[in-house]
């Protein structure tokens, strides 16, 4: 293992199984190597009830309890500049917290689509006007789905995010939610680390609010990274 490699794992804990189920994936956690035996990860501290972000782990601790491993091998060694940037990012990330809330929200868009999709089908199947006017029912289904997509896109856009944050900051709870947006979860941390090094991996990933371990594994394979089910 070398700095810049990415490790994906899963284990048999309830949390890991829930992540795999909700993301329809074989993977529940990812981290990026910062050396031959250190991994940069975002997870709740294992030794306390603190929500502090644990951003530097020994490889053995990172792999502890894992039942499946994928070592994604970076095609090239990090340059001296990339190594310097990764070290700087690691230091700055240690000041952040861990956000389980935003990690769970990565699955929201797909379930919103599922809910609106079900509503669309219901409007087609159970609409009282379907026998007399099937075109109207089909149009209603299309409009409902378009509303769903527009809502999701607006929340992703700079304007949508900015407006939502302005509204949220009007209450104490909302302000806390906005402040938590700077915290990390595992896949967001890996994405941010890759962005800091200006790699091409982020170009093949969803935005930071939706990225999941499975996306990172898929993107690495798409870019030709070699993989192994053990650590080299």
Protein backbone atom coordinates (compact mmCIF):
# COMPACT_ATOMS: atom_id res chain seq x y z
CA UNK A 1 0.00 0.00 0.00
CA UNK A 2 1.20 3.50 -0.82
CA UNK A 3 -0.02 7.03 -0.17
CA UNK A 4 -2.99 7.83 -2.39
CA UNK A 5 -4.37 4.30 -2.57
CA UNK A 6 -8.01 3.89 -1.53
CA UNK A 7 -9.35 1.14 0.72
CA UNK A 8 -13.01 0.06 0.78
CA UNK A 9 -14.32 -2.28 3.47
CA UNK A 10 -17.44 -3.77 4.98
CA UNK A 11 -18.11 -5.65 8.21
CA UNK A 12 -20.95 -7.40 9.99
CA UNK A 13 -22.02 -4.59 12.30
CA UNK A 14 -25.60 -3.35 12.17
CA UNK A 15 -24.41 0.04 10.90
CA UNK A 16 -22.41 -1.52 8.08
CA UNK A 17 -25.32 -3.74 7.03
CA UNK A 18 -27.69 -0.76 7.07
CA UNK A 19 -25.32 1.28 4.86
CA UNK A 20 -24.98 -1.60 2.41
CA UNK A 21 -28.75 -2.06 2.29
CA UNK A 22 -29.63 1.63 1.92
CA UNK A 23 -26.98 2.26 -0.73
CA UNK A 24 -27.53 -1.09 -2.50
CA UNK A 25 -23.82 -1.82 -2.26
CA UNK A 26 -21.25 -4.31 -1.01
CA UNK A 27 -19.26 -1.52 0.68
CA UNK A 28 -19.92 0.54 3.78
CA UNK A 29 -16.70 2.49 4.44
CA UNK A 30 -13.75 3.98 2.56
CA UNK A 31 -10.49 5.67 3.41
CA UNK A 32 -7.43 6.97 1.59
CA UNK A 33 -3.90 5.87 2.46
CA UNK A 34 -1.47 8.57 3.57
CA UNK A 35 1.47 6.18 3.92
CA UNK A 36 2.23 2.46 3.89
CA UNK A 37 0.51 1.95 7.25
CA UNK A 38 -1.73 4.99 7.81
CA UNK A 39 -5.23 5.62 6.50
CA UNK A 40 -7.15 8.88 6.37
CA UNK A 41 -10.76 8.15 7.30
CA UNK A 42 -13.79 9.90 8.72
CA UNK A 43 -15.56 7.95 11.42
CA UNK A 44 -16.77 8.41 14.95
CA UNK A 45 -13.97 7.83 17.43
CA UNK A 46 -13.91 4.18 18.44
CA UNK A 47 -12.60 4.94 21.93
CA UNK A 48 -15.20 7.49 23.07
CA UNK A 49 -18.72 8.77 22.58
CA UNK A 50 -17.37 11.90 20.94
CA UNK A 51 -18.45 12.89 17.44
CA UNK A 52 -14.91 14.03 16.71
CA UNK A 53 -13.68 13.05 13.29
CA UNK A 54 -10.99 10.39 13.47
CA UNK A 55 -8.90 11.31 10.49
CA UNK A 56 -5.74 9.32 11.00
CA UNK A 57 -5.85 5.61 11.73
CA UNK A 58 -3.39 2.79 11.76
CA UNK A 59 -4.14 0.40 8.92
CA UNK A 60 -4.74 -2.45 11.37
CA UNK A 61 -7.31 -0.35 13.24
CA UNK A 62 -9.01 0.71 10.01
CA UNK A 63 -9.34 -2.94 8.94
CA UNK A 64 -10.38 -4.21 12.38
CA UNK A 65 -13.56 -6.29 12.11
CA UNK A 66 -13.78 -6.04 8.33
CA UNK A 67 -15.16 -9.06 6.48
CA UNK A 68 -14.45 -7.83 2.95
CA UNK A 69 -11.66 -5.59 1.66
CA UNK A 70 -10.92 -3.93 -1.64
CA UNK A 71 -7.54 -2.29 -2.13
CA UNK A 72 -7.79 0.17 -5.01
CA UNK A 73 -4.27 0.81 -6.24
CA UNK A 74 -3.51 4.28 -7.57
CA UNK A 75 -2.01 4.03 -11.08
CA UNK A 76 0.95 6.23 -10.17
CA UNK A 77 2.95 7.33 -7.15
CA UNK A 78 1.96 10.69 -5.71
CA UNK A 79 4.24 13.50 -6.80
CA UNK A 80 6.12 15.43 -4.08
CA UNK A 81 3.59 18.26 -4.50
CA UNK A 82 0.61 15.88 -4.19
CA UNK A 83 2.19 14.34 -1.10
CA UNK A 84 2.62 17.77 0.45
CA UNK A 85 -0.98 18.70 -0.35
CA UNK A 86 -2.32 15.44 1.10
CA UNK A 87 -0.37 15.99 4.31
CA UNK A 88 -1.75 19.50 4.57
CA UNK A 89 -5.27 18.25 3.95
CA UNK A 90 -4.86 15.57 6.63
CA UNK A 91 -3.84 18.21 9.15
CA UNK A 92 -6.78 20.50 8.33
CA UNK A 93 -9.25 17.59 8.33
CA UNK A 94 -8.28 16.73 11.91
CA UNK A 95 -10.02 19.93 13.01
CA UNK A 96 -13.35 18.83 11.52
CA UNK A 97 -16.07 16.70 13.06
CA UNK A 98 -17.84 13.57 11.87
CA UNK A 99 -21.39 13.94 10.56
CA UNK A 100 -23.51 10.79 10.58
CA UNK A 101 -26.52 12.94 9.67
CA UNK A 102 -25.11 14.10 6.34
CA UNK A 103 -23.78 10.61 5.64
CA UNK A 104 -27.32 9.26 5.95
CA UNK A 105 -28.66 12.04 3.73
CA UNK A 106 -26.64 10.80 0.73
CA UNK A 107 -29.44 8.32 0.06
CA UNK A 108 -32.23 10.93 0.21
CA UNK A 109 -32.38 11.77 -3.55
CA UNK A 110 -32.82 8.14 -4.60
CA UNK A 111 -35.64 7.63 -2.09
CA UNK A 112 -37.27 10.91 -3.13
CA UNK A 113 -37.24 9.61 -6.71
CA UNK A 114 -38.66 6.30 -5.52
CA UNK A 115 -41.48 8.03 -3.64
CA UNK A 116 -42.33 10.34 -6.52
CA UNK A 117 -42.06 7.42 -8.96
CA UNK A 118 -44.56 5.47 -6.87
CA UNK A 119 -46.85 8.49 -6.84
CA UNK A 120 -46.57 8.73 -10.62
CA UNK A 121 -47.51 5.07 -11.04
CA UNK A 122 -50.37 5.46 -8.59
CA UNK A 123 -51.70 8.40 -10.58
CA UNK A 124 -51.68 6.21 -13.69
CA UNK A 125 -53.19 3.10 -12.13
CA UNK A 126 -55.64 4.54 -9.63
CA UNK A 127 -56.64 7.83 -11.22
CA UNK A 128 -60.44 8.20 -11.54
CA UNK A 129 -59.91 9.84 -14.92
CA UNK A 130 -57.70 7.16 -16.45
CA UNK A 131 -60.54 5.45 -18.32
CA UNK A 132 -61.95 8.71 -19.65
CA UNK A 133 -58.68 10.60 -20.17
CA UNK A 134 -55.49 8.48 -20.09
CA UNK A 135 -53.48 11.33 -21.62
CA UNK A 136 -54.21 13.52 -18.58
CA UNK A 137 -53.07 10.77 -16.20
CA UNK A 138 -49.84 10.26 -18.15
CA UNK A 139 -49.22 14.02 -18.20
CA UNK A 140 -49.79 14.20 -14.43
CA UNK A 141 -47.26 11.41 -13.86
CA UNK A 142 -44.66 13.19 -16.00
CA UNK A 143 -45.27 16.50 -14.23
CA UNK A 144 -44.90 14.88 -10.80
CA UNK A 145 -41.58 13.33 -11.80
CA UNK A 146 -40.35 16.64 -13.24
CA UNK A 147 -41.23 18.39 -9.97
CA UNK A 148 -39.19 15.76 -8.12
CA UNK A 149 -36.15 16.29 -10.35
CA UNK A 150 -36.42 20.08 -10.14
CA UNK A 151 -36.54 19.94 -6.35
CA UNK A 152 -33.45 17.74 -6.20
CA UNK A 153 -31.56 19.93 -8.69
CA UNK A 154 -32.50 23.12 -6.86
CA UNK A 155 -31.16 21.74 -3.60
CA UNK A 156 -27.89 20.85 -5.31
CA UNK A 157 -27.45 24.19 -7.07
CA UNK A 158 -25.43 27.03 -5.56
CA UNK A 159 -28.56 29.18 -5.43
CA UNK A 160 -30.65 26.44 -3.83
CA UNK A 161 -28.05 25.56 -1.22
CA UNK A 162 -27.45 29.23 -0.37
CA UNK A 163 -31.18 29.93 0.04
CA UNK A 164 -31.73 26.83 2.16
CA UNK A 165 -28.83 27.78 4.42
CA UNK A 166 -30.24 31.29 4.82
CA UNK A 167 -33.60 29.87 5.88
CA UNK A 168 -32.04 27.28 8.19
CA UNK A 169 -29.85 29.87 9.95
CA UNK A 170 -32.96 31.66 11.20
CA UNK A 171 -33.30 28.99 13.90
CA UNK A 172 -30.74 27.53 16.32
CA UNK A 173 -31.31 23.97 15.13
CA UNK A 174 -31.08 25.04 11.49
CA UNK A 175 -27.87 26.95 12.17
CA UNK A 176 -26.34 23.83 13.71
CA UNK A 177 -27.29 21.84 10.60
CA UNK A 178 -25.58 24.40 8.37
CA UNK A 179 -22.43 24.38 10.53
CA UNK A 180 -22.34 20.58 10.33
CA UNK A 181 -22.06 20.80 6.54
CA UNK A 182 -18.33 21.44 6.94
CA UNK A 183 -17.94 18.13 8.76
CA UNK A 184 -17.04 14.89 7.05
CA UNK A 185 -18.26 11.36 6.51
CA UNK A 186 -16.05 8.71 4.93
CA UNK A 187 -16.77 9.14 1.23
CA UNK A 188 -16.98 12.95 1.47
CA UNK A 189 -13.53 12.98 3.10
CA UNK A 190 -12.00 10.86 0.32
CA UNK A 191 -13.64 13.08 -2.32
CA UNK A 192 -12.31 16.22 -0.60
CA UNK A 193 -8.82 14.72 -0.37
CA UNK A 194 -8.85 13.91 -4.09
CA UNK A 195 -10.07 17.42 -4.91
CA UNK A 196 -7.27 18.94 -2.86
CA UNK A 197 -4.76 17.05 -5.01
CA UNK A 198 -6.57 18.08 -8.23
CA UNK A 199 -6.94 14.47 -9.33
CA UNK A 200 -9.37 13.38 -12.04
CA UNK A 201 -11.31 11.06 -9.73
CA UNK A 202 -13.83 13.73 -8.56
CA UNK A 203 -14.89 14.26 -12.19
CA UNK A 204 -16.40 10.77 -12.10
CA UNK A 205 -18.15 11.10 -8.73
CA UNK A 206 -21.46 12.63 -7.57
CA UNK A 207 -21.32 15.85 -5.56
CA UNK A 208 -20.12 15.80 -1.96
CA UNK A 209 -23.66 15.56 -0.54
CA UNK A 210 -24.43 12.35 -2.44
CA UNK A 211 -21.14 10.50 -2.82
CA UNK A 212 -21.11 7.01 -1.31
CA UNK A 213 -18.43 4.30 -0.93
CA UNK A 214 -19.83 2.41 -3.94
CA UNK A 215 -19.41 5.49 -6.14
CA UNK A 216 -15.73 5.75 -5.23
CA UNK A 217 -15.09 2.06 -5.92
CA UNK A 218 -16.88 2.26 -9.27
CA UNK A 219 -15.05 5.45 -10.31
CA UNK A 220 -11.63 4.00 -9.47
CA UNK A 221 -12.33 0.90 -11.55
CA UNK A 222 -13.62 3.03 -14.42
CA UNK A 223 -10.34 4.97 -14.42
CA UNK A 224 -8.32 1.76 -14.59
CA UNK A 225 -7.16 1.49 -11.00
CA UNK A 226 -6.07 -2.06 -10.19
CA UNK A 227 -7.90 -3.73 -7.32
CA UNK A 228 -7.20 -6.57 -4.92
CA UNK A 229 -9.16 -8.21 -2.13
CA UNK A 230 -6.24 -7.84 0.25
CA UNK A 231 -3.70 -5.14 1.08
CA UNK A 232 -0.55 -5.24 -1.04
